[in-house]
Protein backbone atom coordinates (compact mmCIF):
# COMPACT_ATOMS: atom_id res chain seq x y z
CA MET A 1 85.09 -17.35 270.87
CA GLN A 2 82.06 -15.44 272.09
CA TRP A 3 81.06 -11.83 271.64
CA GLN A 4 80.95 -10.88 275.30
CA SER A 5 84.45 -12.29 275.81
CA ILE A 6 86.16 -10.34 273.03
CA SER A 7 84.19 -7.07 273.06
CA ILE A 8 84.69 -6.13 276.72
CA PRO A 9 88.33 -5.56 277.70
CA TYR A 10 89.78 -7.21 280.78
CA VAL A 11 91.42 -5.23 283.55
CA GLN A 12 94.64 -6.42 285.11
CA ASP A 13 93.07 -8.30 288.00
CA GLY A 14 91.07 -10.44 285.61
CA GLY A 15 87.75 -8.70 286.16
CA ARG A 16 85.91 -7.10 283.29
CA ALA A 17 86.33 -3.37 282.73
CA THR A 18 83.00 -1.65 283.13
CA THR A 19 83.99 2.02 282.92
CA THR A 20 85.72 2.14 279.54
CA GLY A 21 82.71 0.91 277.60
CA TYR A 22 82.80 -1.32 274.56
CA PRO A 23 85.74 -0.88 272.16
CA TRP A 24 83.59 -2.12 269.28
CA ASN A 25 81.78 0.73 267.51
CA GLY A 26 79.53 -1.37 265.28
CA ASP A 27 76.39 -3.38 265.86
CA GLU A 28 76.46 -6.32 268.22
CA PRO A 29 75.54 -9.79 266.94
CA GLN A 30 71.84 -10.52 266.92
CA VAL A 31 70.70 -12.72 269.78
CA GLY A 32 67.91 -15.22 269.25
CA GLU A 33 67.68 -14.90 265.48
CA LEU A 34 69.58 -15.42 262.27
CA ASN A 35 69.87 -12.35 260.05
CA PRO A 36 67.86 -12.52 256.79
CA VAL A 37 70.90 -12.82 254.47
CA ALA A 38 72.34 -15.73 256.43
CA LEU A 39 68.91 -17.35 256.83
CA ALA A 40 68.30 -17.20 253.07
CA ALA A 41 71.72 -18.72 252.35
CA LEU A 42 71.19 -21.47 254.91
CA CYS A 43 67.75 -22.33 253.52
CA ARG A 44 69.21 -22.60 250.01
CA ARG A 45 71.76 -25.10 251.28
CA LEU A 46 69.10 -27.03 253.18
CA ALA A 47 66.95 -27.23 250.04
CA GLU A 48 69.89 -28.42 247.91
CA GLN A 49 70.77 -31.16 250.38
CA THR A 50 67.21 -32.38 251.06
CA GLU A 51 65.49 -35.07 249.03
CA PRO A 52 62.60 -33.90 246.78
CA GLY A 53 59.19 -34.21 248.41
CA VAL A 54 60.51 -33.85 251.96
CA GLN A 55 58.59 -31.27 253.97
CA PHE A 56 60.12 -28.36 255.84
CA PHE A 57 58.77 -27.52 259.30
CA PHE A 58 59.26 -24.26 261.19
CA ALA A 59 58.74 -23.54 264.88
CA LEU A 60 58.39 -20.00 266.23
CA TRP A 61 58.53 -19.23 269.94
CA GLU A 62 55.11 -18.05 271.11
CA GLY A 63 56.66 -15.52 273.50
CA TYR A 64 57.46 -12.85 270.89
CA GLY A 65 55.22 -9.91 271.74
CA TRP A 66 54.33 -9.07 268.14
CA ILE A 67 52.67 -12.47 267.67
CA HIS A 68 49.81 -11.68 270.02
CA GLY A 69 49.02 -8.15 268.86
CA GLY A 70 47.50 -5.74 271.38
CA SER A 71 48.26 -2.09 271.86
CA ALA A 72 50.67 0.15 273.73
CA VAL A 73 50.77 3.90 274.27
CA ALA A 74 53.55 6.09 275.70
CA PHE A 75 53.19 9.75 276.67
CA LEU A 76 56.35 11.81 277.06
CA GLN A 77 56.25 15.01 279.06
CA SER A 78 58.22 16.93 281.62
CA CYS A 79 58.44 15.17 284.97
CA GLN A 80 57.41 18.49 286.56
CA ASP A 81 54.05 18.42 284.81
CA PRO A 82 51.18 16.39 286.24
CA PRO A 83 50.14 13.38 284.16
CA ASP A 84 47.68 14.40 281.48
CA THR A 85 46.24 11.87 279.09
CA ALA A 86 43.21 13.97 278.10
CA GLY A 87 42.94 14.72 274.43
CA HIS A 88 45.14 11.84 273.34
CA PRO A 89 43.32 9.60 270.87
CA ALA A 90 42.98 5.94 271.73
CA THR A 91 45.39 3.68 269.90
CA PRO A 92 43.59 0.95 267.98
CA ALA A 93 44.45 -2.57 269.05
CA VAL A 94 46.77 -4.51 266.76
CA PRO A 95 45.37 -7.94 265.83
CA PRO A 96 47.43 -11.10 266.34
CA ALA A 97 50.02 -11.76 263.67
CA PHE A 98 48.44 -15.04 262.56
CA ALA A 99 44.96 -16.37 261.91
CA GLU A 100 42.92 -17.67 264.84
CA LYS A 101 43.38 -21.30 263.76
CA VAL A 102 47.16 -20.83 263.98
CA MET A 103 47.02 -19.02 267.32
CA ALA A 104 44.76 -21.73 268.75
CA GLY A 105 46.59 -24.56 267.02
CA PRO A 106 48.88 -27.19 268.51
CA ARG A 107 52.20 -26.21 270.04
CA LEU A 108 55.60 -27.85 270.05
CA LEU A 109 56.57 -28.03 273.71
CA HIS A 110 60.09 -27.97 275.13
CA PRO A 111 61.05 -27.26 278.74
CA GLY A 112 60.40 -23.56 279.25
CA ARG A 113 59.39 -23.00 275.62
CA ALA A 114 56.26 -23.42 273.50
CA TYR A 115 56.33 -22.89 269.74
CA LEU A 116 53.82 -22.19 266.98
CA LEU A 117 54.16 -24.68 264.12
CA PHE A 118 54.31 -23.99 260.39
CA THR A 119 55.17 -25.87 257.23
CA GLY A 120 56.07 -24.66 253.77
CA PRO A 121 58.87 -24.36 251.22
CA PRO A 122 62.34 -23.37 252.49
CA GLU A 123 61.90 -19.72 251.48
CA ALA A 124 58.86 -19.46 253.77
CA ALA A 125 61.33 -19.04 256.64
CA MET A 126 61.87 -15.47 255.42
CA ASP A 127 58.15 -14.62 255.66
CA LEU A 128 57.97 -14.76 259.46
CA GLY A 129 58.08 -11.43 261.25
CA SER A 130 56.07 -8.37 262.17
CA TRP A 131 54.75 -5.38 260.24
CA PRO A 132 54.94 -2.29 262.52
CA THR A 133 53.59 -0.30 259.56
CA GLN A 134 52.33 -1.24 256.09
CA ASP A 135 55.75 -0.64 254.54
CA TRP A 136 58.05 -1.69 257.40
CA PHE A 137 58.75 -5.40 257.92
CA LEU A 138 60.83 -6.73 260.82
CA PRO A 139 61.86 -10.33 260.01
CA GLN A 140 62.13 -12.98 262.70
CA SER A 141 63.91 -16.20 261.85
CA PRO A 142 62.32 -19.46 263.00
CA ASP A 143 63.67 -20.84 266.24
CA LEU A 144 63.62 -24.37 264.83
CA ILE A 145 63.66 -25.72 261.28
CA TRP A 146 63.67 -29.42 260.48
CA SER A 147 62.84 -31.85 257.70
CA SER A 148 60.09 -34.45 257.75
CA ASP A 149 62.67 -37.19 257.17
CA HIS A 150 64.60 -36.01 260.26
CA SER A 151 67.84 -35.84 258.27
CA TRP A 152 68.77 -32.44 259.73
CA CYS A 153 67.65 -29.83 262.25
CA VAL A 154 68.44 -26.13 262.74
CA ALA A 155 68.07 -24.47 266.15
CA THR A 156 68.33 -20.79 267.05
CA GLU A 157 67.85 -20.51 270.81
CA ILE A 158 66.34 -17.14 271.77
CA ASP A 159 69.08 -16.45 274.35
CA PHE A 160 72.06 -17.48 272.19
CA ASP A 161 74.00 -15.56 269.54
CA SER A 162 74.61 -18.77 267.57
CA THR A 163 72.50 -20.99 265.35
CA LEU A 164 73.18 -24.73 265.49
CA LEU A 165 72.82 -27.19 262.62
CA GLY A 166 72.86 -30.94 262.93
CA GLY A 167 72.99 -32.99 259.74
CA ASP A 168 75.03 -35.37 257.65
CA ALA A 169 78.57 -34.64 256.47
CA ALA A 170 77.50 -33.45 253.00
CA LEU A 171 75.13 -30.82 254.41
CA VAL A 172 77.58 -29.66 257.07
CA ASP A 173 80.38 -29.37 254.50
CA ALA A 174 78.13 -27.36 252.15
CA VAL A 175 77.24 -24.93 254.95
CA LEU A 176 80.85 -24.57 256.09
CA ALA A 177 81.94 -23.83 252.50
CA ASP A 178 79.23 -21.23 251.81
CA PRO A 179 80.83 -17.74 251.67
CA ALA A 180 77.52 -16.17 252.74
CA LEU A 181 77.62 -18.02 256.06
CA ASP A 182 79.96 -17.49 259.01
CA ALA A 183 79.94 -21.14 260.05
CA TRP A 184 82.26 -23.22 262.20
CA PRO A 185 82.29 -26.93 263.06
CA ILE A 186 81.68 -27.85 266.69
CA ASP A 187 81.84 -31.07 268.66
CA SER A 188 79.20 -32.49 270.95
CA GLU A 189 81.33 -31.49 273.95
CA ASP A 190 81.54 -27.81 272.91
CA CYS A 191 79.48 -25.30 274.88
CA VAL A 192 77.77 -22.34 273.20
CA GLY A 193 76.37 -20.97 276.46
CA SER A 194 77.66 -17.91 278.30
CA SER A 195 80.70 -19.80 279.62
CA GLY A 196 81.62 -21.57 276.39
CA ASP A 197 84.56 -19.37 275.34
CA LEU A 198 87.58 -21.05 276.92
CA ILE A 199 90.11 -19.01 274.90
CA ASN A 200 89.19 -15.44 275.84
CA THR A 201 88.17 -15.85 279.47
């Protein structure tokens, strides 16, 4: 099942109700990333099921705004007042999130996507993200994680609310059995796109 199919009630004619709002009063699932607790649990399982000496690679979509730095300013005032930016101090530019050699480095290219490339131990996946302030970290899970022996691959598409794992039976079974992960087996014919929920449509 998919979030949009179970969180918005249907009206009698089969169309979606748009006036009653969402019956769910909690947070919606994150789209395009795996939450830190689940990411940490998944990386532990990946490490356990990967041969010693095998490298971990991480790919991060270059389109996240925080990667490139820059600056932004917003002034809030009554719409009856004329615009007045005098006296507002200039906001210092935020530098790019990574060193110049990373920003200018090679990219992994997929249709419609380009990714920055990293390598490191499994726990390095939790180090990616932005620092809006010195004591406030916003994590961003990698969009792709894979091993140098190509025995498994993890993909979190930026427009999906699901993370996909391909690997051998032992790894898949370990992930499915992990109580820290909300994981389900899928077949190659299953669709995780916006029309993939055939039960609640």
